Structures are given as C-alpha cells and as structure tokens.
Amino acid sequence: MKYLCLVYSDERKLEGWDDAECMACGQSFRDSGHLVAAEALQSVHTATTVRVRDGKVSITDGPFAETKEQLAGFYLLDAKNLDEALQMAAKIPPATVGSIEVRPIRELMPR
C-alpha cells in the first residue's frame, strides 16, 4: 500500500538544513524498495492558492492557511502496512524539528 508522508516544519527551523540528510534518507528508502517519489518544496512564500466557488476562480498568493508549520516536502512510500510506514516516517530527518503526517493513498475509482 502507498503512504504519503507530508513533512511539516517552521521554515525558519529548516534554514541551513543540510539537504544531504534528506537525500540520504530518500536513498535508504529507495535502496529498500520503498520509495516511490520524494521532493522538497520551495518556500511557502512561493505558494499560490486556487479556489473555485460558484464557477468563479479566485487566486491568492500564499498558502491555504496561516499556520506555525508549513508543508516543506513529501515522501511517497510503498509499505506493507501503516506500522511500517510510521517506522519509516520516524526516520525522515525534519521529524526532529517538525512533524510528518502519514496518510494512506486512496485509489480513485470511476463510478
């Protein structure tokens, strides 16, 4: 089953972070056959939010909501179950300064 691990942190705590740690973590997941994809995101200041209400498109600068922690990146993992996904999420380096939200992927099914 696939699990999306969303990396959240206060961006200031990630300033100067050595990308090599996250790259090594991703390589470890890749070597074990668990990594489907992983990417870091640019600063929250580069975000644009799109909403459609009553057929009208609204575009605003910035993230969806003001929060203390921002979405910094993700790992898409293929794990045998939630327990295995949680064990891997605990190894993602920014977990030490932020949080990792782990969510199972729901396959879209046509009706």
PDB file of N, CA and C in Angstrom:
ATOM      1  N   MET A   1       0.847  -1.176   0.000  1.00  0.00           N
ATOM      2  CA  MET A   1       0.000   0.000   0.000  1.00  0.00           C
ATOM      3  C   MET A   1       0.890   1.235   0.000  1.00  0.00           C
ATOM      4  N   LYS A   2       0.425   2.284  -0.650  1.00  0.00           N
ATOM      5  CA  LYS A   2       1.200   3.515  -0.700  1.00  0.00           C
ATOM      6  C   LYS A   2       0.755   4.474   0.402  1.00  0.00           C
ATOM      7  N   TYR A   3       1.755   5.173   0.972  1.00  0.00           N
ATOM      8  CA  TYR A   3       1.524   6.160   2.025  1.00  0.00           C
ATOM      9  C   TYR A   3       2.260   7.441   1.665  1.00  0.00           C
ATOM     10  N   LEU A   4       1.568   8.561   1.838  1.00  0.00           N
ATOM     11  CA  LEU A   4       2.185   9.855   1.623  1.00  0.00           C
ATOM     12  C   LEU A   4       2.629  10.401   2.968  1.00  0.00           C
ATOM     13  N   CYS A   5       3.906  10.710   3.071  1.00  0.00           N
ATOM     14  CA  CYS A   5       4.464  11.293   4.288  1.00  0.00           C
ATOM     15  C   CYS A   5       4.701  12.776   4.006  1.00  0.00           C
ATOM     16  N   LEU A   6       3.863  13.612   4.598  1.00  0.00           N
ATOM     17  CA  LEU A   6       3.954  15.054   4.410  1.00  0.00           C
ATOM     18  C   LEU A   6       4.836  15.641   5.494  1.00  0.00           C
ATOM     19  N   VAL A   7       5.855  16.364   5.085  1.00  0.00           N
ATOM     20  CA  VAL A   7       6.834  16.936   6.014  1.00  0.00           C
ATOM     21  C   VAL A   7       6.409  18.362   6.345  1.00  0.00           C
ATOM     22  N   TYR A   8       6.115  18.627   7.613  1.00  0.00           N
ATOM     23  CA  TYR A   8       5.728  19.960   8.076  1.00  0.00           C
ATOM     24  C   TYR A   8       6.764  20.478   9.056  1.00  0.00           C
ATOM     25  N   SER A   9       7.092  21.757   8.921  1.00  0.00           N
ATOM     26  CA  SER A   9       8.014  22.382   9.859  1.00  0.00           C
ATOM     27  C   SER A   9       7.918  23.888   9.718  1.00  0.00           C
ATOM     28  N   ASP A  10       8.317  24.579  10.750  1.00  0.00           N
ATOM     29  CA  ASP A  10       8.505  26.014  10.658  1.00  0.00           C
ATOM     30  C   ASP A  10       9.687  26.214   9.723  1.00  0.00           C
ATOM     31  N   GLU A  11       9.486  26.932   8.633  1.00  0.00           N
ATOM     32  CA  GLU A  11      10.536  27.084   7.630  1.00  0.00           C
ATOM     33  C   GLU A  11      11.836  27.622   8.216  1.00  0.00           C
ATOM     34  N   ARG A  12      11.732  28.457   9.219  1.00  0.00           N
ATOM     35  CA  ARG A  12      12.949  29.013   9.823  1.00  0.00           C
ATOM     36  C   ARG A  12      13.820  27.928  10.441  1.00  0.00           C
ATOM     37  N   LYS A  13      13.192  26.863  10.927  1.00  0.00           N
ATOM     38  CA  LYS A  13      13.961  25.771  11.521  1.00  0.00           C
ATOM     39  C   LYS A  13      14.675  24.938  10.464  1.00  0.00           C
ATOM     40  N   LEU A  14      14.248  25.062   9.220  1.00  0.00           N
ATOM     41  CA  LEU A  14      14.876  24.303   8.135  1.00  0.00           C
ATOM     42  C   LEU A  14      15.940  25.107   7.399  1.00  0.00           C
ATOM     43  N   GLU A  15      16.046  26.413   7.700  1.00  0.00           N
ATOM     44  CA  GLU A  15      17.068  27.235   7.059  1.00  0.00           C
ATOM     45  C   GLU A  15      18.441  26.678   7.414  1.00  0.00           C
ATOM     46  N   GLY A  16      19.267  26.514   6.415  1.00  0.00           N
ATOM     47  CA  GLY A  16      20.602  25.987   6.650  1.00  0.00           C
ATOM     48  C   GLY A  16      20.647  24.476   6.862  1.00  0.00           C
ATOM     49  N   TRP A  17      19.495  23.815   6.758  1.00  0.00           N
ATOM     50  CA  TRP A  17      19.440  22.364   6.921  1.00  0.00           C
ATOM     51  C   TRP A  17      20.279  21.732   5.809  1.00  0.00           C
ATOM     52  N   ASP A  18      21.030  20.724   6.131  1.00  0.00           N
ATOM     53  CA  ASP A  18      21.855  20.031   5.145  1.00  0.00           C
ATOM     54  C   ASP A  18      20.963  19.088   4.331  1.00  0.00           C
ATOM     55  N   ASP A  19      20.755  19.424   3.059  1.00  0.00           N
ATOM     56  CA  ASP A  19      19.921  18.589   2.188  1.00  0.00           C
ATOM     57  C   ASP A  19      20.448  17.158   2.089  1.00  0.00           C
ATOM     58  N   ALA A  20      21.730  16.977   2.339  1.00  0.00           N
ATOM     59  CA  ALA A  20      22.319  15.643   2.227  1.00  0.00           C
ATOM     60  C   ALA A  20      21.644  14.653   3.174  1.00  0.00           C
ATOM     61  N   GLU A  21      21.177  15.119   4.332  1.00  0.00           N
ATOM     62  CA  GLU A  21      20.488  14.219   5.273  1.00  0.00           C
ATOM     63  C   GLU A  21      19.202  13.670   4.668  1.00  0.00           C
ATOM     64  N   CYS A  22      18.422  14.568   4.062  1.00  0.00           N
ATOM     65  CA  CYS A  22      17.159  14.138   3.453  1.00  0.00           C
ATOM     66  C   CYS A  22      17.414  13.284   2.215  1.00  0.00           C
ATOM     67  N   MET A  23      18.451  13.626   1.472  1.00  0.00           N
ATOM     68  CA  MET A  23      18.795  12.842   0.283  1.00  0.00           C
ATOM     69  C   MET A  23      19.236  11.430   0.693  1.00  0.00           C
ATOM     70  N   ALA A  24      19.991  11.330   1.771  1.00  0.00           N
ATOM     71  CA  ALA A  24      20.422  10.017   2.264  1.00  0.00           C
ATOM     72  C   ALA A  24      19.231   9.203   2.751  1.00  0.00           C
ATOM     73  N   CYS A  25      18.295   9.866   3.415  1.00  0.00           N
ATOM     74  CA  CYS A  25      17.080   9.183   3.873  1.00  0.00           C
ATOM     75  C   CYS A  25      16.310   8.637   2.673  1.00  0.00           C
ATOM     76  N   GLY A  26      16.124   9.472   1.664  1.00  0.00           N
ATOM     77  CA  GLY A  26      15.428   9.034   0.453  1.00  0.00           C
ATOM     78  C   GLY A  26      16.152   7.891  -0.233  1.00  0.00           C
ATOM     79  N   GLN A  27      17.490   7.960  -0.280  1.00  0.00           N
ATOM     80  CA  GLN A  27      18.262   6.887  -0.899  1.00  0.00           C
ATOM     81  C   GLN A  27      18.104   5.585  -0.130  1.00  0.00           C
ATOM     82  N   SER A  28      18.049   5.680   1.193  1.00  0.00           N
ATOM     83  CA  SER A  28      17.836   4.498   2.026  1.00  0.00           C
ATOM     84  C   SER A  28      16.483   3.853   1.715  1.00  0.00           C
ATOM     85  N   PHE A  29      15.441   4.698   1.600  1.00  0.00           N
ATOM     86  CA  PHE A  29      14.115   4.175   1.247  1.00  0.00           C
ATOM     87  C   PHE A  29      14.123   3.584  -0.167  1.00  0.00           C
ATOM     88  N   ARG A  30      14.851   4.224  -1.075  1.00  0.00           N
ATOM     89  CA  ARG A  30      14.948   3.743  -2.455  1.00  0.00           C
ATOM     90  C   ARG A  30      15.653   2.382  -2.478  1.00  0.00           C
ATOM     91  N   ASP A  31      16.769   2.286  -1.749  1.00  0.00           N
ATOM     92  CA  ASP A  31      17.538   1.036  -1.711  1.00  0.00           C
ATOM     93  C   ASP A  31      16.723  -0.127  -1.167  1.00  0.00           C
ATOM     94  N   SER A  32      15.816   0.165  -0.227  1.00  0.00           N
ATOM     95  CA  SER A  32      14.990  -0.903   0.348  1.00  0.00           C
ATOM     96  C   SER A  32      13.737  -1.183  -0.481  1.00  0.00           C
ATOM     97  N   GLY A  33      13.560  -0.439  -1.580  1.00  0.00           N
ATOM     98  CA  GLY A  33      12.415  -0.657  -2.465  1.00  0.00           C
ATOM     99  C   GLY A  33      11.129   0.011  -2.008  1.00  0.00           C
ATOM    100  N   HIS A  34      11.208   0.923  -1.044  1.00  0.00           N
ATOM    101  CA  HIS A  34      10.013   1.560  -0.505  1.00  0.00           C
ATOM    102  C   HIS A  34       9.703   2.929  -1.116  1.00  0.00           C
ATOM    103  N   LEU A  35      10.681   3.596  -1.686  1.00  0.00           N
ATOM    104  CA  LEU A  35      10.459   4.966  -2.163  1.00  0.00           C
ATOM    105  C   LEU A  35       9.820   4.974  -3.545  1.00  0.00           C
ATOM    106  N   VAL A  36       8.681   5.655  -3.651  1.00  0.00           N
ATOM    107  CA  VAL A  36       8.035   5.872  -4.941  1.00  0.00           C
ATOM    108  C   VAL A  36       8.462   7.232  -5.477  1.00  0.00           C
ATOM    109  N   ALA A  37       8.454   8.256  -4.617  1.00  0.00           N
ATOM    110  CA  ALA A  37       8.856   9.614  -5.009  1.00  0.00           C
ATOM    111  C   ALA A  37       9.116  10.433  -3.755  1.00  0.00           C
ATOM    112  N   ALA A  38       9.945  11.456  -3.895  1.00  0.00           N
ATOM    113  CA  ALA A  38      10.197  12.383  -2.791  1.00  0.00           C
ATOM    114  C   ALA A  38      10.657  13.701  -3.387  1.00  0.00           C
ATOM    115  N   GLU A  39      10.189  14.793  -2.820  1.00  0.00           N
ATOM    116  CA  GLU A  39      10.595  16.114  -3.279  1.00  0.00           C
ATOM    117  C   GLU A  39      10.515  17.092  -2.114  1.00  0.00           C
ATOM    118  N   ALA A  40      11.398  18.061  -2.143  1.00  0.00           N
ATOM    119  CA  ALA A  40      11.323  19.198  -1.225  1.00  0.00           C
ATOM    120  C   ALA A  40      10.585  20.318  -1.953  1.00  0.00           C
ATOM    121  N   LEU A  41       9.899  21.143  -1.200  1.00  0.00           N
ATOM    122  CA  LEU A  41       9.162  22.262  -1.790  1.00  0.00           C
ATOM    123  C   LEU A  41       9.909  23.564  -1.566  1.00  0.00           C
ATOM    124  N   GLN A  42       9.708  24.513  -2.477  1.00  0.00           N
ATOM    125  CA  GLN A  42      10.262  25.838  -2.275  1.00  0.00           C
ATOM    126  C   GLN A  42       9.513  26.510  -1.134  1.00  0.00           C
ATOM    127  N   SER A  43       9.992  27.670  -0.722  1.00  0.00           N
ATOM    128  CA  SER A  43       9.421  28.400   0.407  1.00  0.00           C
ATOM    129  C   SER A  43       7.923  28.604   0.256  1.00  0.00           C
ATOM    130  N   VAL A  44       7.242  28.643   1.386  1.00  0.00           N
ATOM    131  CA  VAL A  44       5.799  28.881   1.411  1.00  0.00           C
ATOM    132  C   VAL A  44       5.452  30.217   0.752  1.00  0.00           C
ATOM    133  N   HIS A  45       6.410  31.133   0.711  1.00  0.00           N
ATOM    134  CA  HIS A  45       6.173  32.432   0.083  1.00  0.00           C
ATOM    135  C   HIS A  45       5.988  32.321  -1.430  1.00  0.00           C
ATOM    136  N   THR A  46       6.345  31.176  -2.011  1.00  0.00           N
ATOM    137  CA  THR A  46       6.161  30.969  -3.450  1.00  0.00           C
ATOM    138  C   THR A  46       4.809  30.325  -3.763  1.00  0.00           C
ATOM    139  N   ALA A  47       4.045  29.974  -2.732  1.00  0.00           N
ATOM    140  CA  ALA A  47       2.763  29.277  -2.915  1.00  0.00           C
ATOM    141  C   ALA A  47       1.689  30.206  -3.479  1.00  0.00           C
ATOM    142  N   THR A  48       0.809  29.619  -4.253  1.00  0.00           N
ATOM    143  CA  THR A  48      -0.384  30.291  -4.760  1.00  0.00           C
ATOM    144  C   THR A  48      -1.556  29.354  -4.513  1.00  0.00           C
ATOM    145  N   THR A  49      -2.651  29.889  -3.996  1.00  0.00           N
ATOM    146  CA  THR A  49      -3.823  29.074  -3.699  1.00  0.00           C
ATOM    147  C   THR A  49      -4.937  29.383  -4.696  1.00  0.00           C
ATOM    148  N   VAL A  50      -5.535  28.334  -5.251  1.00  0.00           N
ATOM    149  CA  VAL A  50      -6.625  28.461  -6.218  1.00  0.00           C
ATOM    150  C   VAL A  50      -7.891  27.897  -5.590  1.00  0.00           C
ATOM    151  N   ARG A  51      -8.966  28.671  -5.670  1.00  0.00           N
ATOM    152  CA  ARG A  51     -10.281  28.211  -5.215  1.00  0.00           C
ATOM    153  C   ARG A  51     -11.283  28.467  -6.336  1.00  0.00           C
ATOM    154  N   VAL A  52     -12.268  27.589  -6.459  1.00  0.00           N
ATOM    155  CA  VAL A  52     -13.370  27.790  -7.399  1.00  0.00           C
ATOM    156  C   VAL A  52     -14.654  27.723  -6.597  1.00  0.00           C
ATOM    157  N   ARG A  53     -15.400  28.811  -6.598  1.00  0.00           N
ATOM    158  CA  ARG A  53     -16.672  28.885  -5.878  1.00  0.00           C
ATOM    159  C   ARG A  53     -17.724  29.418  -6.844  1.00  0.00           C
ATOM    160  N   ASP A  54     -18.810  28.686  -6.968  1.00  0.00           N
ATOM    161  CA  ASP A  54     -19.897  29.080  -7.865  1.00  0.00           C
ATOM    162  C   ASP A  54     -19.375  29.394  -9.264  1.00  0.00           C
ATOM    163  N   GLY A  55     -18.411  28.596  -9.731  1.00  0.00           N
ATOM    164  CA  GLY A  55     -17.869  28.747 -11.070  1.00  0.00           C
ATOM    165  C   GLY A  55     -16.858  29.874 -11.229  1.00  0.00           C
ATOM    166  N   LYS A  56     -16.570  30.600 -10.161  1.00  0.00           N
ATOM    167  CA  LYS A  56     -15.616  31.710 -10.224  1.00  0.00           C
ATOM    168  C   LYS A  56     -14.291  31.289  -9.611  1.00  0.00           C
ATOM    169  N   VAL A  57     -13.210  31.580 -10.342  1.00  0.00           N
ATOM    170  CA  VAL A  57     -11.869  31.225  -9.896  1.00  0.00           C
ATOM    171  C   VAL A  57     -11.286  32.374  -9.085  1.00  0.00           C
ATOM    172  N   SER A  58     -10.745  32.049  -7.928  1.00  0.00           N
ATOM    173  CA  SER A  58     -10.073  33.018  -7.072  1.00  0.00           C
ATOM    174  C   SER A  58      -8.645  32.536  -6.872  1.00  0.00           C
ATOM    175  N   ILE A  59      -7.684  33.413  -7.141  1.00  0.00           N
ATOM    176  CA  ILE A  59      -6.274  33.066  -6.986  1.00  0.00           C
ATOM    177  C   ILE A  59      -5.661  34.041  -5.995  1.00  0.00           C
ATOM    178  N   THR A  60      -5.032  33.500  -4.943  1.00  0.00           N
ATOM    179  CA  THR A  60      -4.393  34.350  -3.939  1.00  0.00           C
ATOM    180  C   THR A  60      -2.968  33.877  -3.704  1.00  0.00           C
ATOM    181  N   ASP A  61      -2.113  34.824  -3.379  1.00  0.00           N
ATOM    182  CA  ASP A  61      -0.734  34.481  -3.038  1.00  0.00           C
ATOM    183  C   ASP A  61      -0.703  33.846  -1.667  1.00  0.00           C
ATOM    184  N   GLY A  62       0.208  32.910  -1.504  1.00  0.00           N
ATOM    185  CA  GLY A  62       0.411  32.303  -0.201  1.00  0.00           C
ATOM    186  C   GLY A  62      -0.273  30.963  -0.054  1.00  0.00           C
ATOM    187  N   PRO A  63      -0.025  30.327   1.082  1.00  0.00           N
ATOM    188  CA  PRO A  63      -0.592  29.009   1.344  1.00  0.00           C
ATOM    189  C   PRO A  63      -2.076  29.091   1.671  1.00  0.00           C
ATOM    190  N   PHE A  64      -2.694  27.930   1.772  1.00  0.00           N
ATOM    191  CA  PHE A  64      -4.124  27.828   2.050  1.00  0.00           C
ATOM    192  C   PHE A  64      -4.480  28.464   3.379  1.00  0.00           C
ATOM    193  N   ALA A  65      -3.655  28.253   4.397  1.00  0.00           N
ATOM    194  CA  ALA A  65      -3.974  28.750   5.742  1.00  0.00           C
ATOM    195  C   ALA A  65      -2.705  29.223   6.435  1.00  0.00           C
ATOM    196  N   GLU A  66      -2.878  30.143   7.345  1.00  0.00           N
ATOM    197  CA  GLU A  66      -1.759  30.596   8.171  1.00  0.00           C
ATOM    198  C   GLU A  66      -1.555  29.575   9.283  1.00  0.00           C
ATOM    199  N   THR A  67      -0.367  29.038   9.359  1.00  0.00           N
ATOM    200  CA  THR A  67      -0.048  28.064  10.395  1.00  0.00           C
ATOM    201  C   THR A  67       1.371  28.298  10.888  1.00  0.00           C
ATOM    202  N   LYS A  68       1.702  27.676  12.005  1.00  0.00           N
ATOM    203  CA  LYS A  68       3.066  27.783  12.527  1.00  0.00           C
ATOM    204  C   LYS A  68       4.017  26.888  11.753  1.00  0.00           C
ATOM    205  N   GLU A  69       3.492  25.797  11.206  1.00  0.00           N
ATOM    206  CA  GLU A  69       4.309  24.891  10.408  1.00  0.00           C
ATOM    207  C   GLU A  69       3.791  24.887   8.980  1.00  0.00           C
ATOM    208  N   GLN A  70       4.720  24.791   8.038  1.00  0.00           N
ATOM    209  CA  GLN A  70       4.355  24.785   6.635  1.00  0.00           C
ATOM    210  C   GLN A  70       4.755  23.454   6.002  1.00  0.00           C
ATOM    211  N   LEU A  71       4.070  23.127   4.913  1.00  0.00           N
ATOM    212  CA  LEU A  71       4.411  21.930   4.154  1.00  0.00           C
ATOM    213  C   LEU A  71       5.746  22.164   3.474  1.00  0.00           C
ATOM    214  N   ALA A  72       6.731  21.341   3.797  1.00  0.00           N
ATOM    215  CA  ALA A  72       8.085  21.530   3.293  1.00  0.00           C
ATOM    216  C   ALA A  72       8.461  20.523   2.206  1.00  0.00           C
ATOM    217  N   GLY A  73       7.772  19.399   2.161  1.00  0.00           N
ATOM    218  CA  GLY A  73       8.086  18.380   1.171  1.00  0.00           C
ATOM    219  C   GLY A  73       7.303  17.112   1.449  1.00  0.00           C
ATOM    220  N   PHE A  74       7.645  16.067   0.697  1.00  0.00           N
ATOM    221  CA  PHE A  74       6.917  14.807   0.877  1.00  0.00           C
ATOM    222  C   PHE A  74       7.784  13.623   0.469  1.00  0.00           C
ATOM    223  N   TYR A  75       7.413  12.482   1.002  1.00  0.00           N
ATOM    224  CA  TYR A  75       7.940  11.190   0.581  1.00  0.00           C
ATOM    225  C   TYR A  75       6.721  10.332   0.273  1.00  0.00           C
ATOM    226  N   LEU A  76       6.681   9.707  -0.878  1.00  0.00           N
ATOM    227  CA  LEU A  76       5.631   8.754  -1.206  1.00  0.00           C
ATOM    228  C   LEU A  76       6.257   7.377  -1.083  1.00  0.00           C
ATOM    229  N   LEU A  77       5.767   6.613  -0.106  1.00  0.00           N
ATOM    230  CA  LEU A  77       6.353   5.320   0.222  1.00  0.00           C
ATOM    231  C   LEU A  77       5.411   4.182  -0.104  1.00  0.00           C
ATOM    232  N   ASP A  78       5.982   3.052  -0.454  1.00  0.00           N
ATOM    233  CA  ASP A  78       5.220   1.823  -0.639  1.00  0.00           C
ATOM    234  C   ASP A  78       5.579   0.926   0.538  1.00  0.00           C
ATOM    235  N   ALA A  79       4.639   0.762   1.456  1.00  0.00           N
ATOM    236  CA  ALA A  79       4.881  -0.007   2.679  1.00  0.00           C
ATOM    237  C   ALA A  79       3.856  -1.123   2.795  1.00  0.00           C
ATOM    238  N   LYS A  80       4.210  -2.158   3.541  1.00  0.00           N
ATOM    239  CA  LYS A  80       3.279  -3.283   3.668  1.00  0.00           C
ATOM    240  C   LYS A  80       2.071  -2.944   4.532  1.00  0.00           C
ATOM    241  N   ASN A  81       2.240  -1.971   5.466  1.00  0.00           N
ATOM    242  CA  ASN A  81       1.117  -1.565   6.311  1.00  0.00           C
ATOM    243  C   ASN A  81       1.448  -0.231   6.971  1.00  0.00           C
ATOM    244  N   LEU A  82       0.508   0.294   7.731  1.00  0.00           N
ATOM    245  CA  LEU A  82       0.696   1.584   8.387  1.00  0.00           C
ATOM    246  C   LEU A  82       1.862   1.551   9.377  1.00  0.00           C
ATOM    247  N   ASP A  83       2.010   0.462  10.109  1.00  0.00           N
ATOM    248  CA  ASP A  83       3.107   0.379  11.075  1.00  0.00           C
ATOM    249  C   ASP A  83       4.463   0.554  10.397  1.00  0.00           C
ATOM    250  N   GLU A  84       4.654  -0.104   9.269  1.00  0.00           N
ATOM    251  CA  GLU A  84       5.916   0.029   8.550  1.00  0.00           C
ATOM    252  C   GLU A  84       6.097   1.462   8.036  1.00  0.00           C
ATOM    253  N   ALA A  85       5.028   2.065   7.534  1.00  0.00           N
ATOM    254  CA  ALA A  85       5.090   3.447   7.050  1.00  0.00           C
ATOM    255  C   ALA A  85       5.452   4.402   8.185  1.00  0.00           C
ATOM    256  N   LEU A  86       4.893   4.177   9.365  1.00  0.00           N
ATOM    257  CA  LEU A  86       5.196   5.029  10.518  1.00  0.00           C
ATOM    258  C   LEU A  86       6.651   4.877  10.966  1.00  0.00           C
ATOM    259  N   GLN A  87       7.153   3.665  10.917  1.00  0.00           N
ATOM    260  CA  GLN A  87       8.555   3.444  11.273  1.00  0.00           C
ATOM    261  C   GLN A  87       9.475   4.197  10.312  1.00  0.00           C
ATOM    262  N   MET A  88       9.147   4.174   9.031  1.00  0.00           N
ATOM    263  CA  MET A  88       9.959   4.893   8.049  1.00  0.00           C
ATOM    264  C   MET A  88       9.818   6.399   8.237  1.00  0.00           C
ATOM    265  N   ALA A  89       8.605   6.864   8.511  1.00  0.00           N
ATOM    266  CA  ALA A  89       8.383   8.301   8.697  1.00  0.00           C
ATOM    267  C   ALA A  89       9.212   8.841   9.854  1.00  0.00           C
ATOM    268  N   ALA A  90       9.408   8.044  10.874  1.00  0.00           N
ATOM    269  CA  ALA A  90      10.207   8.473  12.027  1.00  0.00           C
ATOM    270  C   ALA A  90      11.669   8.687  11.657  1.00  0.00           C
ATOM    271  N   LYS A  91      12.106   8.146  10.525  1.00  0.00           N
ATOM    272  CA  LYS A  91      13.491   8.291  10.073  1.00  0.00           C
ATOM    273  C   LYS A  91      13.685   9.520   9.187  1.00  0.00           C
ATOM    274  N   ILE A  92      12.624  10.200   8.813  1.00  0.00           N
ATOM    275  CA  ILE A  92      12.738  11.389   7.962  1.00  0.00           C
ATOM    276  C   ILE A  92      13.333  12.507   8.806  1.00  0.00           C
ATOM    277  N   PRO A  93      14.496  13.032   8.423  1.00  0.00           N
ATOM    278  CA  PRO A  93      15.228  13.969   9.285  1.00  0.00           C
ATOM    279  C   PRO A  93      14.428  15.152   9.836  1.00  0.00           C
ATOM    280  N   PRO A  94      13.605  15.866   9.062  1.00  0.00           N
ATOM    281  CA  PRO A  94      12.887  17.010   9.653  1.00  0.00           C
ATOM    282  C   PRO A  94      11.870  16.644  10.735  1.00  0.00           C
ATOM    283  N   ALA A  95      11.640  15.362  10.967  1.00  0.00           N
ATOM    284  CA  ALA A  95      10.759  14.961  12.068  1.00  0.00           C
ATOM    285  C   ALA A  95      11.310  15.455  13.396  1.00  0.00           C
ATOM    286  N   THR A  96      12.615  15.739  13.442  1.00  0.00           N
ATOM    287  CA  THR A  96      13.239  16.196  14.683  1.00  0.00           C
ATOM    288  C   THR A  96      12.929  17.655  14.998  1.00  0.00           C
ATOM    289  N   VAL A  97      12.448  18.421  14.002  1.00  0.00           N
ATOM    290  CA  VAL A  97      12.125  19.835  14.245  1.00  0.00           C
ATOM    291  C   VAL A  97      10.692  20.176  13.843  1.00  0.00           C
ATOM    292  N   GLY A  98      10.002  19.239  13.244  1.00  0.00           N
ATOM    293  CA  GLY A  98       8.636  19.469  12.793  1.00  0.00           C
ATOM    294  C   GLY A  98       7.807  18.215  13.001  1.00  0.00           C
ATOM    295  N   SER A  99       6.992  17.889  12.002  1.00  0.00           N
ATOM    296  CA  SER A  99       6.162  16.686  12.099  1.00  0.00           C
ATOM    297  C   SER A  99       6.016  16.064  10.719  1.00  0.00           C
ATOM    298  N   ILE A 100       5.692  14.784  10.721  1.00  0.00           N
ATOM    299  CA  ILE A 100       5.457  14.046   9.486  1.00  0.00           C
ATOM    300  C   ILE A 100       4.033  13.500   9.551  1.00  0.00           C
ATOM    301  N   GLU A 101       3.191  13.954   8.653  1.00  0.00           N
ATOM    302  CA  GLU A 101       1.823  13.433   8.579  1.00  0.00           C
ATOM    303  C   GLU A 101       1.832  12.263   7.604  1.00  0.00           C
ATOM    304  N   VAL A 102       1.366  11.108   8.055  1.00  0.00           N
ATOM    305  CA  VAL A 102       1.353   9.899   7.235  1.00  0.00           C
ATOM    306  C   VAL A 102      -0.091   9.584   6.864  1.00  0.00           C
ATOM    307  N   ARG A 103      -0.330   9.509   5.556  1.00  0.00           N
ATOM    308  CA  ARG A 103      -1.695   9.230   5.098  1.00  0.00           C
ATOM    309  C   ARG A 103      -1.681   8.183   4.002  1.00  0.00           C
ATOM    310  N   PRO A 104      -2.581   7.193   4.100  1.00  0.00           N
ATOM    311  CA  PRO A 104      -2.661   6.204   3.027  1.00  0.00           C
ATOM    312  C   PRO A 104      -3.217   6.840   1.756  1.00  0.00           C
ATOM    313  N   ILE A 105      -2.723   6.360   0.632  1.00  0.00           N
ATOM    314  CA  ILE A 105      -3.201   6.832  -0.663  1.00  0.00           C
ATOM    315  C   ILE A 105      -4.510   6.109  -0.985  1.00  0.00           C
ATOM    316  N   ARG A 106      -5.487   6.866  -1.421  1.00  0.00           N
ATOM    317  CA  ARG A 106      -6.771   6.299  -1.837  1.00  0.00           C
ATOM    318  C   ARG A 106      -6.790   6.249  -3.348  1.00  0.00           C
ATOM    319  N   GLU A 107      -6.931   5.072  -3.894  1.00  0.00           N
ATOM    320  CA  GLU A 107      -7.004   4.960  -5.339  1.00  0.00           C
ATOM    321  C   GLU A 107      -8.357   5.473  -5.818  1.00  0.00           C
ATOM    322  N   LEU A 108      -8.318   6.290  -6.857  1.00  0.00           N
ATOM    323  CA  LEU A 108      -9.550   6.833  -7.417  1.00  0.00           C
ATOM    324  C   LEU A 108     -10.255   5.742  -8.224  1.00  0.00           C
ATOM    325  N   MET A 109     -11.541   5.641  -8.017  1.00  0.00           N
ATOM    326  CA  MET A 109     -12.344   4.630  -8.706  1.00  0.00           C
ATOM    327  C   MET A 109     -13.455   5.315  -9.487  1.00  0.00           C
ATOM    328  N   PRO A 110     -13.548   5.056 -10.786  1.00  0.00           N
ATOM    329  CA  PRO A 110     -14.658   5.663 -11.548  1.00  0.00           C
ATOM    330  C   PRO A 110     -15.980   5.091 -11.099  1.00  0.00           C
ATOM    331  N   ARG A 111     -16.987   5.921 -11.171  1.00  0.00           N
ATOM    332  CA  ARG A 111     -18.319   5.451 -10.757  1.00  0.00           C
ATOM    333  C   ARG A 111     -19.068   4.894 -11.917  1.00  0.00           C
TER     334      ARG A 111
END
